[in-house]
């Protein structure tokens, strides 16, 4: 098992938060049109800290998997990100559309965010050792 670069974990977590901020900012009108209540109100002050913690947990998880299977080249870490995306957020979001009547447009927006953040995090923690 390879070592985990904790600097890469922290930087990838921050990069994931920044990417999500830019992504949702760019799609704010579509987010509102898709029925997201969150797009209509200003979030509480603690939400950015929550998002950073959430992205840190995601980054350390991806880094641990990448280290355990010794991924060090970008095609392999991109494949890891895609497999994780299909296996977890895409499946969970599809379930929310079917079982909880979440708009497929809203789920697609969130799926895009998850794909971007998983790709960013996996590439940073997988290559930067």
Protein backbone atom coordinates (compact mmCIF):
# COMPACT_ATOMS: atom_id res chain seq x y z
CA UNK A 1 0.00 0.00 0.00
CA UNK A 2 1.30 3.43 -0.97
CA UNK A 3 1.49 6.36 1.38
CA UNK A 4 -1.21 9.02 1.48
CA UNK A 5 -0.10 12.58 0.84
CA UNK A 6 -2.15 14.57 3.36
CA UNK A 7 -1.26 17.86 1.68
CA UNK A 8 -2.90 16.49 -1.47
CA UNK A 9 -5.94 15.47 0.59
CA UNK A 10 -6.37 18.97 2.01
CA UNK A 11 -5.76 20.71 -1.32
CA UNK A 12 -8.12 18.36 -3.17
CA UNK A 13 -10.82 18.95 -0.54
CA UNK A 14 -10.48 22.72 -0.96
CA UNK A 15 -10.43 22.32 -4.76
CA UNK A 16 -13.64 20.28 -4.54
CA UNK A 17 -15.37 22.99 -2.51
CA UNK A 18 -14.23 25.69 -4.94
CA UNK A 19 -15.36 23.61 -7.92
CA UNK A 20 -18.77 23.03 -6.33
CA UNK A 21 -19.13 26.75 -5.57
CA UNK A 22 -18.32 27.66 -9.19
CA UNK A 23 -20.50 24.85 -10.58
CA UNK A 24 -23.59 25.72 -8.57
CA UNK A 25 -23.01 29.42 -9.13
CA UNK A 26 -22.94 28.87 -12.88
CA UNK A 27 -26.09 26.74 -12.70
CA UNK A 28 -28.01 28.82 -10.15
CA UNK A 29 -30.89 29.65 -12.49
CA UNK A 30 -31.20 26.02 -13.62
CA UNK A 31 -31.01 24.92 -9.99
CA UNK A 32 -33.90 27.23 -9.13
CA UNK A 33 -35.87 26.06 -12.18
CA UNK A 34 -35.30 22.42 -11.17
CA UNK A 35 -37.02 23.10 -7.86
CA UNK A 36 -34.18 23.39 -5.38
CA UNK A 37 -35.33 25.25 -2.27
CA UNK A 38 -31.67 25.84 -1.36
CA UNK A 39 -31.26 28.12 -4.36
CA UNK A 40 -33.83 30.56 -2.96
CA UNK A 41 -32.30 31.31 0.42
CA UNK A 42 -28.94 32.34 1.81
CA UNK A 43 -27.25 29.42 3.60
CA UNK A 44 -26.35 29.64 7.30
CA UNK A 45 -22.80 30.71 8.15
CA UNK A 46 -21.75 27.18 9.19
CA UNK A 47 -22.50 25.63 5.76
CA UNK A 48 -19.07 26.41 4.21
CA UNK A 49 -17.35 24.65 7.14
CA UNK A 50 -19.69 21.69 6.73
CA UNK A 51 -18.90 21.56 3.00
CA UNK A 52 -15.16 21.66 3.68
CA UNK A 53 -15.48 18.82 6.23
CA UNK A 54 -17.62 16.80 3.80
CA UNK A 55 -15.07 17.25 1.02
CA UNK A 56 -12.22 16.36 3.39
CA UNK A 57 -13.94 13.06 4.27
CA UNK A 58 -14.46 12.38 0.57
CA UNK A 59 -10.82 13.21 -0.23
CA UNK A 60 -9.39 11.02 2.53
CA UNK A 61 -11.66 8.17 1.42
CA UNK A 62 -10.59 8.44 -2.23
CA UNK A 63 -6.93 8.79 -1.20
CA UNK A 64 -7.17 5.68 0.97
CA UNK A 65 -8.68 3.64 -1.87
CA UNK A 66 -6.13 4.96 -4.39
CA UNK A 67 -3.26 4.14 -2.01
CA UNK A 68 -4.64 0.70 -1.17
CA UNK A 69 -4.76 -0.33 -4.82
CA UNK A 70 -1.62 1.66 -5.65
CA UNK A 71 -3.05 3.98 -8.30
CA UNK A 72 -0.53 6.56 -9.45
CA UNK A 73 -1.29 7.39 -13.09
CA UNK A 74 -4.08 9.65 -14.23
CA UNK A 75 -6.03 7.15 -16.40
CA UNK A 76 -6.32 4.81 -13.42
CA UNK A 77 -7.43 7.51 -10.99
CA UNK A 78 -9.94 8.85 -13.52
CA UNK A 79 -11.36 5.33 -13.82
CA UNK A 80 -11.55 5.13 -10.02
CA UNK A 81 -13.46 8.43 -9.93
CA UNK A 82 -15.89 7.20 -12.60
CA UNK A 83 -16.46 3.88 -10.84
CA UNK A 84 -17.05 5.62 -7.50
CA UNK A 85 -19.42 8.10 -9.18
CA UNK A 86 -21.52 5.39 -10.82
CA UNK A 87 -21.48 3.18 -7.74
CA UNK A 88 -22.48 5.79 -5.20
CA UNK A 89 -23.80 9.28 -6.06
CA UNK A 90 -25.34 8.28 -9.40
CA UNK A 91 -27.10 5.30 -7.84
CA UNK A 92 -28.25 7.29 -4.80
CA UNK A 93 -29.49 10.18 -6.92
CA UNK A 94 -31.35 7.82 -9.26
CA UNK A 95 -33.00 6.31 -6.19
CA UNK A 96 -34.06 9.74 -5.01
CA UNK A 97 -35.73 10.38 -8.37
CA UNK A 98 -37.60 7.07 -8.32
CA UNK A 99 -38.50 6.79 -4.64
CA UNK A 100 -38.63 10.37 -3.36
CA UNK A 101 -39.95 12.13 -6.47
CA UNK A 102 -36.88 14.37 -6.74
CA UNK A 103 -36.84 16.13 -10.11
CA UNK A 104 -34.55 14.33 -12.54
CA UNK A 105 -33.20 17.73 -13.56
CA UNK A 106 -32.19 18.50 -9.99
CA UNK A 107 -30.65 15.04 -9.60
CA UNK A 108 -28.72 15.54 -12.86
CA UNK A 109 -27.33 18.85 -11.60
CA UNK A 110 -26.18 17.20 -8.37
CA UNK A 111 -24.77 14.24 -10.32
CA UNK A 112 -22.68 16.65 -12.38
CA UNK A 113 -21.30 18.23 -9.22
CA UNK A 114 -20.37 14.81 -7.83
CA UNK A 115 -18.69 13.78 -11.05
CA UNK A 116 -16.59 16.93 -11.16
CA UNK A 117 -15.55 16.76 -7.50
CA UNK A 118 -14.69 13.05 -7.68
CA UNK A 119 -12.57 13.61 -10.78
CA UNK A 120 -10.73 16.56 -9.21
CA UNK A 121 -10.13 14.81 -5.90
CA UNK A 122 -9.09 11.48 -7.45
CA UNK A 123 -6.62 13.08 -9.84
CA UNK A 124 -5.01 15.22 -7.12
CA UNK A 125 -4.73 12.52 -4.45
CA UNK A 126 -3.91 9.77 -6.92
CA UNK A 127 -1.11 11.51 -8.78
CA UNK A 128 0.36 13.79 -6.11
CA UNK A 129 2.15 11.36 -3.84
